Amino acid sequence: MDSEKLAHRRAQNQASYRRHREVQLAKKREWRLANAARMRQLNAEWYQRNRDYALAAHKQYRETHREKCQALIAAWYQRNKEKVRRYRKGNLKKILAQQLYRRYGITAEAYKALLAAQGGRCAICRNLPGRKRLAVDHCHDTEQVRGLLCFNCNVLLGCSRDNVEVLQAAIAYLNQRGLPNV
């Protein structure tokens, strides 16, 4: 075929497609509905082959459409409050494990091992935890986990911004005032 015939045929095909577009889209929708299991399988296979690409594309979309995504998520939570509440109640250990890994890069088993190594107590004041579990103390520069602290000791380090001089000045202040060591 020469290039003129090919161009003419291509133009005819495009015109035909435009005329029958709605019909074709309806057929595709029907096929997808009738073959939902097959579509899930095809999508899962594609995702396995293109996982890195898909994650990067999703991340880029979320970054460029941040407000829209946040609004959609907030609306979904509003519609599904009870569902979320039930899920959180039934999957508390799983959620805590995910938070530990996402925030600090440690597993639930590593948290338990660290807790056992500290005797189940706060690394600073050596008190047993109350109703709340011990917080994971980490260096904000290196992100390395240092230990587990109770709420008060964690706030103490946070307010001092992990600055040793500030903590030593606080000790000197307490010593100067002659307050009893509690």
N, C-alpha and C. Protein backbone atom coordinates (compact mmCIF):
# COMPACT_ATOMS: atom_id res chain seq x y z
N MET A 1 0.83 -1.19 0.00
CA MET A 1 0.00 0.00 0.00
C MET A 1 0.87 1.24 0.00
N ASP A 2 0.50 2.16 -0.82
CA ASP A 2 1.26 3.39 -0.81
C ASP A 2 0.75 4.31 0.31
N SER A 3 1.47 5.35 0.55
CA SER A 3 1.18 6.21 1.70
C SER A 3 -0.15 6.95 1.59
N GLU A 4 -0.60 7.29 0.37
CA GLU A 4 -1.88 7.99 0.20
C GLU A 4 -3.04 7.08 0.59
N LYS A 5 -3.00 5.82 0.14
CA LYS A 5 -4.06 4.88 0.49
C LYS A 5 -4.08 4.63 2.00
N LEU A 6 -2.90 4.50 2.56
CA LEU A 6 -2.80 4.25 4.00
C LEU A 6 -3.37 5.44 4.79
N ALA A 7 -3.06 6.64 4.36
CA ALA A 7 -3.57 7.84 5.03
C ALA A 7 -5.09 7.91 4.88
N HIS A 8 -5.60 7.57 3.68
CA HIS A 8 -7.05 7.59 3.45
C HIS A 8 -7.75 6.57 4.33
N ARG A 9 -7.20 5.34 4.42
CA ARG A 9 -7.80 4.30 5.25
C ARG A 9 -7.76 4.70 6.74
N ARG A 10 -6.66 5.30 7.17
CA ARG A 10 -6.54 5.74 8.55
C ARG A 10 -7.60 6.80 8.86
N ALA A 11 -7.81 7.73 7.95
CA ALA A 11 -8.82 8.77 8.14
C ALA A 11 -10.22 8.16 8.20
N GLN A 12 -10.48 7.15 7.37
CA GLN A 12 -11.78 6.48 7.40
C GLN A 12 -12.00 5.77 8.74
N ASN A 13 -10.97 5.09 9.21
CA ASN A 13 -11.07 4.39 10.49
C ASN A 13 -11.33 5.36 11.63
N GLN A 14 -10.64 6.50 11.62
CA GLN A 14 -10.84 7.48 12.67
C GLN A 14 -12.25 8.07 12.63
N ALA A 15 -12.75 8.33 11.44
CA ALA A 15 -14.11 8.85 11.29
C ALA A 15 -15.13 7.83 11.78
N SER A 16 -14.91 6.56 11.42
CA SER A 16 -15.81 5.50 11.86
C SER A 16 -15.78 5.36 13.38
N TYR A 17 -14.61 5.45 13.94
CA TYR A 17 -14.49 5.36 15.40
C TYR A 17 -15.25 6.49 16.08
N ARG A 18 -15.09 7.70 15.56
CA ARG A 18 -15.80 8.84 16.16
C ARG A 18 -17.31 8.65 16.08
N ARG A 19 -17.81 8.11 14.95
CA ARG A 19 -19.24 7.90 14.79
C ARG A 19 -19.78 6.85 15.75
N HIS A 20 -18.99 5.86 16.04
CA HIS A 20 -19.46 4.74 16.86
C HIS A 20 -18.83 4.69 18.25
N ARG A 21 -18.26 5.80 18.67
CA ARG A 21 -17.52 5.84 19.94
C ARG A 21 -18.39 5.44 21.12
N GLU A 22 -19.57 6.02 21.24
CA GLU A 22 -20.43 5.72 22.38
C GLU A 22 -20.83 4.25 22.40
N VAL A 23 -21.11 3.70 21.24
CA VAL A 23 -21.48 2.28 21.16
C VAL A 23 -20.30 1.41 21.60
N GLN A 24 -19.11 1.76 21.14
CA GLN A 24 -17.92 1.00 21.50
C GLN A 24 -17.63 1.09 22.99
N LEU A 25 -17.77 2.29 23.56
CA LEU A 25 -17.54 2.46 24.99
C LEU A 25 -18.55 1.66 25.80
N ALA A 26 -19.80 1.64 25.37
CA ALA A 26 -20.83 0.87 26.06
C ALA A 26 -20.49 -0.62 26.01
N LYS A 27 -20.01 -1.10 24.86
CA LYS A 27 -19.62 -2.52 24.74
C LYS A 27 -18.46 -2.84 25.68
N LYS A 28 -17.49 -1.94 25.77
CA LYS A 28 -16.36 -2.16 26.68
C LYS A 28 -16.83 -2.23 28.13
N ARG A 29 -17.74 -1.28 28.50
CA ARG A 29 -18.28 -1.30 29.86
C ARG A 29 -19.00 -2.60 30.17
N GLU A 30 -19.80 -3.05 29.22
CA GLU A 30 -20.53 -4.32 29.40
C GLU A 30 -19.57 -5.48 29.56
N TRP A 31 -18.52 -5.52 28.73
CA TRP A 31 -17.56 -6.62 28.81
C TRP A 31 -16.86 -6.60 30.17
N ARG A 32 -16.47 -5.40 30.62
CA ARG A 32 -15.79 -5.30 31.92
C ARG A 32 -16.69 -5.75 33.06
N LEU A 33 -17.96 -5.39 32.99
CA LEU A 33 -18.90 -5.83 34.03
C LEU A 33 -19.11 -7.34 33.97
N ALA A 34 -19.24 -7.89 32.78
CA ALA A 34 -19.47 -9.32 32.62
C ALA A 34 -18.23 -10.13 32.97
N ASN A 35 -17.06 -9.52 32.88
CA ASN A 35 -15.79 -10.22 33.12
C ASN A 35 -15.01 -9.56 34.25
N ALA A 36 -15.69 -9.24 35.32
CA ALA A 36 -15.06 -8.52 36.43
C ALA A 36 -13.89 -9.30 37.02
N ALA A 37 -14.06 -10.61 37.18
CA ALA A 37 -12.98 -11.43 37.74
C ALA A 37 -11.76 -11.41 36.82
N ARG A 38 -11.99 -11.51 35.53
CA ARG A 38 -10.89 -11.47 34.56
C ARG A 38 -10.20 -10.11 34.59
N MET A 39 -10.97 -9.03 34.72
CA MET A 39 -10.38 -7.69 34.80
C MET A 39 -9.52 -7.54 36.05
N ARG A 40 -10.00 -8.07 37.17
CA ARG A 40 -9.19 -8.02 38.40
C ARG A 40 -7.88 -8.77 38.20
N GLN A 41 -7.95 -9.93 37.55
CA GLN A 41 -6.75 -10.72 37.30
C GLN A 41 -5.79 -9.97 36.38
N LEU A 42 -6.31 -9.40 35.30
CA LEU A 42 -5.45 -8.65 34.36
C LEU A 42 -4.83 -7.45 35.05
N ASN A 43 -5.62 -6.74 35.85
CA ASN A 43 -5.09 -5.57 36.56
C ASN A 43 -4.01 -5.98 37.56
N ALA A 44 -4.23 -7.09 38.26
CA ALA A 44 -3.23 -7.57 39.24
C ALA A 44 -1.94 -7.97 38.53
N GLU A 45 -2.06 -8.64 37.39
CA GLU A 45 -0.87 -9.03 36.63
C GLU A 45 -0.11 -7.80 36.14
N TRP A 46 -0.85 -6.81 35.63
CA TRP A 46 -0.20 -5.58 35.15
C TRP A 46 0.52 -4.90 36.30
N TYR A 47 -0.15 -4.83 37.46
CA TYR A 47 0.45 -4.17 38.62
C TYR A 47 1.74 -4.87 39.04
N GLN A 48 1.73 -6.21 39.02
CA GLN A 48 2.94 -6.95 39.40
C GLN A 48 4.10 -6.64 38.45
N ARG A 49 3.79 -6.53 37.17
CA ARG A 49 4.84 -6.23 36.17
C ARG A 49 5.30 -4.77 36.25
N ASN A 50 4.43 -3.87 36.65
CA ASN A 50 4.71 -2.43 36.59
C ASN A 50 4.57 -1.76 37.95
N ARG A 51 4.90 -2.47 39.02
CA ARG A 51 4.68 -1.96 40.38
C ARG A 51 5.39 -0.63 40.63
N ASP A 52 6.67 -0.55 40.28
CA ASP A 52 7.43 0.68 40.54
C ASP A 52 6.83 1.86 39.78
N TYR A 53 6.47 1.63 38.52
CA TYR A 53 5.86 2.68 37.71
C TYR A 53 4.54 3.14 38.33
N ALA A 54 3.70 2.18 38.74
CA ALA A 54 2.39 2.51 39.31
C ALA A 54 2.55 3.30 40.61
N LEU A 55 3.47 2.88 41.47
CA LEU A 55 3.67 3.60 42.73
C LEU A 55 4.17 5.02 42.49
N ALA A 56 5.09 5.17 41.54
CA ALA A 56 5.61 6.50 41.22
C ALA A 56 4.50 7.38 40.63
N ALA A 57 3.68 6.82 39.77
CA ALA A 57 2.58 7.58 39.16
C ALA A 57 1.56 7.99 40.22
N HIS A 58 1.23 7.08 41.14
CA HIS A 58 0.28 7.41 42.21
C HIS A 58 0.84 8.50 43.10
N LYS A 59 2.12 8.39 43.44
CA LYS A 59 2.75 9.39 44.30
C LYS A 59 2.76 10.76 43.63
N GLN A 60 3.10 10.79 42.34
CA GLN A 60 3.12 12.05 41.62
C GLN A 60 1.71 12.67 41.56
N TYR A 61 0.70 11.83 41.33
CA TYR A 61 -0.67 12.33 41.28
C TYR A 61 -1.08 12.92 42.63
N ARG A 62 -0.76 12.19 43.72
CA ARG A 62 -1.13 12.68 45.05
C ARG A 62 -0.43 14.00 45.38
N GLU A 63 0.82 14.15 44.91
CA GLU A 63 1.55 15.39 45.18
C GLU A 63 0.98 16.56 44.38
N THR A 64 0.61 16.32 43.13
CA THR A 64 0.10 17.41 42.31
C THR A 64 -1.36 17.73 42.60
N HIS A 65 -2.10 16.80 43.18
CA HIS A 65 -3.52 17.00 43.50
C HIS A 65 -3.77 16.80 44.99
N ARG A 66 -2.89 17.36 45.81
CA ARG A 66 -2.92 17.13 47.26
C ARG A 66 -4.27 17.52 47.88
N GLU A 67 -4.77 18.72 47.59
CA GLU A 67 -6.02 19.16 48.21
C GLU A 67 -7.20 18.29 47.79
N LYS A 68 -7.23 17.94 46.51
CA LYS A 68 -8.32 17.10 46.02
C LYS A 68 -8.30 15.73 46.71
N CYS A 69 -7.12 15.14 46.85
CA CYS A 69 -6.99 13.83 47.50
C CYS A 69 -7.40 13.92 48.97
N GLN A 70 -6.95 14.97 49.65
CA GLN A 70 -7.31 15.13 51.06
C GLN A 70 -8.81 15.31 51.23
N ALA A 71 -9.44 16.06 50.32
CA ALA A 71 -10.89 16.26 50.40
C ALA A 71 -11.63 14.94 50.16
N LEU A 72 -11.16 14.15 49.20
CA LEU A 72 -11.79 12.85 48.93
C LEU A 72 -11.65 11.90 50.12
N ILE A 73 -10.47 11.89 50.73
CA ILE A 73 -10.24 11.02 51.88
C ILE A 73 -11.11 11.46 53.05
N ALA A 74 -11.17 12.76 53.29
CA ALA A 74 -12.00 13.28 54.39
C ALA A 74 -13.48 12.94 54.17
N ALA A 75 -13.93 13.08 52.93
CA ALA A 75 -15.33 12.76 52.62
C ALA A 75 -15.60 11.27 52.82
N TRP A 76 -14.64 10.43 52.41
CA TRP A 76 -14.81 8.98 52.59
C TRP A 76 -14.89 8.63 54.08
N TYR A 77 -14.02 9.23 54.90
CA TYR A 77 -14.06 8.98 56.34
C TYR A 77 -15.39 9.42 56.95
N GLN A 78 -15.91 10.55 56.49
CA GLN A 78 -17.20 11.02 57.00
C GLN A 78 -18.31 10.03 56.68
N ARG A 79 -18.29 9.46 55.46
CA ARG A 79 -19.32 8.50 55.07
C ARG A 79 -19.16 7.16 55.75
N ASN A 80 -17.94 6.82 56.18
CA ASN A 80 -17.65 5.48 56.69
C ASN A 80 -17.10 5.49 58.11
N LYS A 81 -17.55 6.42 58.95
CA LYS A 81 -17.02 6.54 60.31
C LYS A 81 -17.15 5.23 61.09
N GLU A 82 -18.33 4.64 61.04
CA GLU A 82 -18.57 3.42 61.81
C GLU A 82 -17.71 2.27 61.28
N LYS A 83 -17.58 2.17 59.99
CA LYS A 83 -16.76 1.12 59.38
C LYS A 83 -15.30 1.27 59.81
N VAL A 84 -14.79 2.50 59.81
CA VAL A 84 -13.42 2.77 60.23
C VAL A 84 -13.24 2.43 61.70
N ARG A 85 -14.22 2.83 62.52
CA ARG A 85 -14.16 2.56 63.96
C ARG A 85 -14.09 1.05 64.22
N ARG A 86 -14.94 0.29 63.53
CA ARG A 86 -14.93 -1.17 63.71
C ARG A 86 -13.61 -1.78 63.25
N TYR A 87 -13.09 -1.29 62.12
CA TYR A 87 -11.82 -1.82 61.62
C TYR A 87 -10.69 -1.55 62.60
N ARG A 88 -10.62 -0.31 63.09
CA ARG A 88 -9.55 0.04 64.03
C ARG A 88 -9.65 -0.77 65.31
N LYS A 89 -10.87 -0.97 65.79
CA LYS A 89 -11.06 -1.74 67.01
C LYS A 89 -10.63 -3.20 66.82
N GLY A 90 -10.95 -3.76 65.68
CA GLY A 90 -10.63 -5.16 65.42
C GLY A 90 -9.20 -5.41 64.98
N ASN A 91 -8.49 -4.36 64.55
CA ASN A 91 -7.15 -4.54 64.00
C ASN A 91 -6.12 -3.64 64.68
N LEU A 92 -6.29 -3.42 65.96
CA LEU A 92 -5.43 -2.48 66.68
C LEU A 92 -3.95 -2.90 66.63
N LYS A 93 -3.68 -4.17 66.86
CA LYS A 93 -2.29 -4.63 66.84
C LYS A 93 -1.65 -4.44 65.46
N LYS A 94 -2.42 -4.74 64.43
CA LYS A 94 -1.93 -4.58 63.06
C LYS A 94 -1.64 -3.10 62.76
N ILE A 95 -2.54 -2.21 63.19
CA ILE A 95 -2.37 -0.78 62.95
C ILE A 95 -1.15 -0.26 63.70
N LEU A 96 -0.99 -0.68 64.96
CA LEU A 96 0.18 -0.25 65.73
C LEU A 96 1.47 -0.74 65.09
N ALA A 97 1.47 -1.97 64.60
CA ALA A 97 2.66 -2.51 63.94
C ALA A 97 2.98 -1.71 62.68
N GLN A 98 1.96 -1.33 61.91
CA GLN A 98 2.18 -0.53 60.71
C GLN A 98 2.73 0.85 61.06
N GLN A 99 2.21 1.45 62.13
CA GLN A 99 2.69 2.77 62.54
C GLN A 99 4.15 2.70 63.00
N LEU A 100 4.49 1.66 63.76
CA LEU A 100 5.88 1.51 64.20
C LEU A 100 6.82 1.41 63.01
N TYR A 101 6.43 0.61 62.03
CA TYR A 101 7.29 0.42 60.87
C TYR A 101 7.36 1.69 60.03
N ARG A 102 6.22 2.34 59.81
CA ARG A 102 6.18 3.54 58.97
C ARG A 102 6.94 4.70 59.62
N ARG A 103 6.76 4.89 60.93
CA ARG A 103 7.37 6.05 61.60
C ARG A 103 8.83 5.83 61.96
N TYR A 104 9.16 4.61 62.44
CA TYR A 104 10.49 4.40 63.01
C TYR A 104 11.28 3.29 62.32
N GLY A 105 10.66 2.57 61.41
CA GLY A 105 11.37 1.51 60.68
C GLY A 105 11.62 0.27 61.51
N ILE A 106 10.83 0.05 62.58
CA ILE A 106 11.00 -1.15 63.39
C ILE A 106 9.72 -1.98 63.35
N THR A 107 9.88 -3.27 63.53
CA THR A 107 8.73 -4.17 63.55
C THR A 107 8.16 -4.25 64.96
N ALA A 108 6.99 -4.84 65.05
CA ALA A 108 6.37 -5.04 66.37
C ALA A 108 7.24 -5.96 67.22
N GLU A 109 7.89 -6.92 66.59
CA GLU A 109 8.78 -7.84 67.31
C GLU A 109 9.99 -7.10 67.86
N ALA A 110 10.53 -6.16 67.08
CA ALA A 110 11.68 -5.37 67.55
C ALA A 110 11.27 -4.49 68.73
N TYR A 111 10.04 -3.94 68.68
CA TYR A 111 9.52 -3.14 69.80
C TYR A 111 9.42 -4.00 71.05
N LYS A 112 8.89 -5.23 70.91
CA LYS A 112 8.77 -6.13 72.06
C LYS A 112 10.13 -6.51 72.61
N ALA A 113 11.10 -6.74 71.72
CA ALA A 113 12.46 -7.09 72.16
C ALA A 113 13.09 -5.92 72.92
N LEU A 114 12.89 -4.70 72.43
CA LEU A 114 13.42 -3.51 73.10
C LEU A 114 12.75 -3.32 74.46
N LEU A 115 11.45 -3.56 74.51
CA LEU A 115 10.71 -3.46 75.77
C LEU A 115 11.22 -4.49 76.78
N ALA A 116 11.48 -5.71 76.32
CA ALA A 116 12.00 -6.76 77.20
C ALA A 116 13.41 -6.42 77.67
N ALA A 117 14.23 -5.86 76.78
CA ALA A 117 15.61 -5.49 77.14
C ALA A 117 15.61 -4.41 78.22
N GLN A 118 14.59 -3.55 78.23
CA GLN A 118 14.48 -2.50 79.25
C GLN A 118 13.71 -2.96 80.46
N GLY A 119 13.36 -4.23 80.53
CA GLY A 119 12.61 -4.75 81.66
C GLY A 119 11.18 -4.26 81.71
N GLY A 120 10.64 -3.84 80.56
CA GLY A 120 9.26 -3.35 80.51
C GLY A 120 9.09 -1.97 81.12
N ARG A 121 10.18 -1.26 81.33
CA ARG A 121 10.15 0.04 82.00
C ARG A 121 10.69 1.14 81.11
N CYS A 122 10.42 2.38 81.49
CA CYS A 122 10.94 3.55 80.79
C CYS A 122 12.47 3.56 80.91
N ALA A 123 13.16 3.89 79.83
CA ALA A 123 14.62 3.89 79.83
C ALA A 123 15.21 4.98 80.71
N ILE A 124 14.47 6.03 81.04
CA ILE A 124 15.01 7.13 81.85
C ILE A 124 14.58 7.01 83.31
N CYS A 125 13.28 7.04 83.57
CA CYS A 125 12.81 7.07 84.96
C CYS A 125 12.58 5.67 85.55
N ARG A 126 12.63 4.66 84.73
CA ARG A 126 12.49 3.25 85.12
C ARG A 126 11.10 2.93 85.67
N ASN A 127 10.11 3.80 85.43
CA ASN A 127 8.74 3.51 85.85
C ASN A 127 8.07 2.58 84.85
N LEU A 128 7.11 1.82 85.35
CA LEU A 128 6.30 0.99 84.46
C LEU A 128 5.33 1.88 83.70
N PRO A 129 5.00 1.51 82.48
CA PRO A 129 4.05 2.34 81.72
C PRO A 129 2.66 2.27 82.35
N GLY A 130 1.92 3.37 82.24
CA GLY A 130 0.56 3.40 82.75
C GLY A 130 -0.39 2.82 81.72
N ARG A 131 -1.42 3.57 81.41
CA ARG A 131 -2.40 3.11 80.41
C ARG A 131 -1.84 3.15 79.00
N LYS A 132 -0.93 4.08 78.74
CA LYS A 132 -0.35 4.20 77.40
C LYS A 132 0.90 3.34 77.30
N ARG A 133 1.15 2.88 76.08
CA ARG A 133 2.38 2.12 75.86
C ARG A 133 3.56 3.08 75.81
N LEU A 134 4.75 2.57 75.97
CA LEU A 134 5.94 3.41 75.94
C LEU A 134 6.18 3.94 74.54
N ALA A 135 6.61 5.20 74.47
CA ALA A 135 6.87 5.85 73.18
C ALA A 135 8.25 5.46 72.68
N VAL A 136 8.39 5.41 71.36
CA VAL A 136 9.68 5.10 70.74
C VAL A 136 10.49 6.38 70.66
N ASP A 137 11.63 6.42 71.37
CA ASP A 137 12.52 7.58 71.33
C ASP A 137 13.51 7.36 70.20
N HIS A 138 13.68 8.38 69.37
CA HIS A 138 14.60 8.26 68.24
C HIS A 138 15.31 9.59 68.01
N CYS A 139 16.48 9.50 67.42
CA CYS A 139 17.24 10.69 67.06
C CYS A 139 16.59 11.29 65.81
N HIS A 140 16.28 12.57 65.86
CA HIS A 140 15.61 13.21 64.73
C HIS A 140 16.55 13.49 63.57
N ASP A 141 17.86 13.46 63.83
CA ASP A 141 18.82 13.67 62.75
C ASP A 141 19.11 12.38 62.00
N THR A 142 19.38 11.30 62.75
CA THR A 142 19.75 10.03 62.12
C THR A 142 18.58 9.07 61.97
N GLU A 143 17.45 9.38 62.63
CA GLU A 143 16.25 8.51 62.63
C GLU A 143 16.51 7.16 63.32
N GLN A 144 17.60 7.06 64.08
CA GLN A 144 17.93 5.81 64.77
C GLN A 144 17.17 5.73 66.10
N VAL A 145 16.59 4.58 66.37
CA VAL A 145 15.84 4.36 67.61
C VAL A 145 16.81 4.25 68.77
N ARG A 146 16.52 5.00 69.88
CA ARG A 146 17.39 4.98 71.05
C ARG A 146 16.82 4.14 72.18
N GLY A 147 15.51 4.10 72.31
CA GLY A 147 14.90 3.34 73.39
C GLY A 147 13.42 3.65 73.50
N LEU A 148 12.80 3.16 74.58
CA LEU A 148 11.38 3.39 74.84
C LEU A 148 11.23 4.24 76.09
N LEU A 149 10.37 5.26 76.00
CA LEU A 149 10.21 6.21 77.09
C LEU A 149 8.74 6.36 77.46
N CYS A 150 8.49 6.68 78.73
CA CYS A 150 7.13 7.01 79.15
C CYS A 150 6.79 8.39 78.58
N PHE A 151 5.53 8.76 78.69
CA PHE A 151 5.06 10.03 78.13
C PHE A 151 5.85 11.22 78.68
N ASN A 152 6.02 11.28 80.02
CA ASN A 152 6.68 12.43 80.64
C ASN A 152 8.14 12.55 80.21
N CYS A 153 8.86 11.43 80.16
CA CYS A 153 10.27 11.48 79.77
C CYS A 153 10.41 11.82 78.28
N ASN A 154 9.48 11.35 77.49
CA ASN A 154 9.51 11.66 76.06
C ASN A 154 9.28 13.16 75.85
N VAL A 155 8.34 13.75 76.61
CA VAL A 155 8.07 15.19 76.52
C VAL A 155 9.29 15.97 77.02
N LEU A 156 9.92 15.47 78.08
CA LEU A 156 11.12 16.13 78.62
C LEU A 156 12.19 16.26 77.54
N LEU A 157 12.47 15.16 76.84
CA LEU A 157 13.47 15.21 75.79
C LEU A 157 13.01 16.08 74.62
N GLY A 158 11.74 15.99 74.31
CA GLY A 158 11.22 16.78 73.19
C GLY A 158 11.28 18.27 73.45
N CYS A 159 10.91 18.68 74.66
CA CYS A 159 10.94 20.11 75.00
C CYS A 159 12.37 20.64 75.05
N SER A 160 13.31 19.79 75.40
CA SER A 160 14.72 20.22 75.44
C SER A 160 15.36 20.10 74.06
N ARG A 161 14.62 19.59 73.10
CA ARG A 161 15.11 19.37 71.74
C ARG A 161 16.36 18.49 71.73
N ASP A 162 16.39 17.52 72.62
CA ASP A 162 17.49 16.57 72.76
C ASP A 162 18.84 17.27 73.01
N ASN A 163 18.80 18.45 73.58
CA ASN A 163 19.99 19.24 73.84
C ASN A 163 20.50 18.93 75.24
N VAL A 164 21.70 18.36 75.32
CA VAL A 164 22.28 17.95 76.60
C VAL A 164 22.53 19.15 77.51
N GLU A 165 22.96 20.30 76.92
CA GLU A 165 23.23 21.48 77.74
C GLU A 165 21.96 21.98 78.42
N VAL A 166 20.84 21.93 77.71
CA VAL A 166 19.57 22.37 78.30
C VAL A 166 19.20 21.44 79.46
N LEU A 167 19.38 20.16 79.28
CA LEU A 167 19.06 19.20 80.34
C LEU A 167 19.99 19.38 81.55
N GLN A 168 21.28 19.64 81.29
CA GLN A 168 22.21 19.87 82.39
C GLN A 168 21.88 21.17 83.12
N ALA A 169 21.44 22.19 82.38
CA ALA A 169 21.03 23.45 83.01
C ALA A 169 19.80 23.24 83.88
N ALA A 170 18.90 22.37 83.43
CA ALA A 170 17.70 22.06 84.24
C ALA A 170 18.10 21.34 85.52
N ILE A 171 19.07 20.43 85.45
CA ILE A 171 19.55 19.73 86.64
C ILE A 171 20.21 20.72 87.60
N ALA A 172 21.04 21.62 87.06
CA ALA A 172 21.70 22.64 87.89
C ALA A 172 20.66 23.54 88.56
N TYR A 173 19.64 23.90 87.82
CA TYR A 173 18.56 24.73 88.36
C TYR A 173 17.90 24.05 89.54
N LEU A 174 17.56 22.77 89.39
CA LEU A 174 16.92 22.03 90.48
C LEU A 174 17.86 21.90 91.68
N ASN A 175 19.15 21.67 91.43
CA ASN A 175 20.12 21.55 92.52
C ASN A 175 20.29 22.87 93.27
N GLN A 176 20.29 24.00 92.54
CA GLN A 176 20.45 25.31 93.16
C GLN A 176 19.27 25.66 94.03
N ARG A 177 18.09 25.31 93.63
CA ARG A 177 16.88 25.67 94.35
C ARG A 177 16.71 24.82 95.60
N GLY A 178 17.50 23.79 95.71
CA GLY A 178 17.45 22.97 96.92
C GLY A 178 16.16 22.18 97.07
N LEU A 179 15.51 21.88 95.97
CA LEU A 179 14.29 21.10 96.05
C LEU A 179 14.63 19.64 96.37
N PRO A 180 13.80 18.98 97.13
CA PRO A 180 14.08 17.58 97.46
C PRO A 180 14.02 16.72 96.20
N ASN A 181 14.88 15.74 96.17
CA ASN A 181 14.94 14.81 95.04
C ASN A 181 13.76 13.84 95.15
N VAL A 182 12.83 13.95 94.24
CA VAL A 182 11.61 13.13 94.30
C VAL A 182 11.77 11.90 93.47
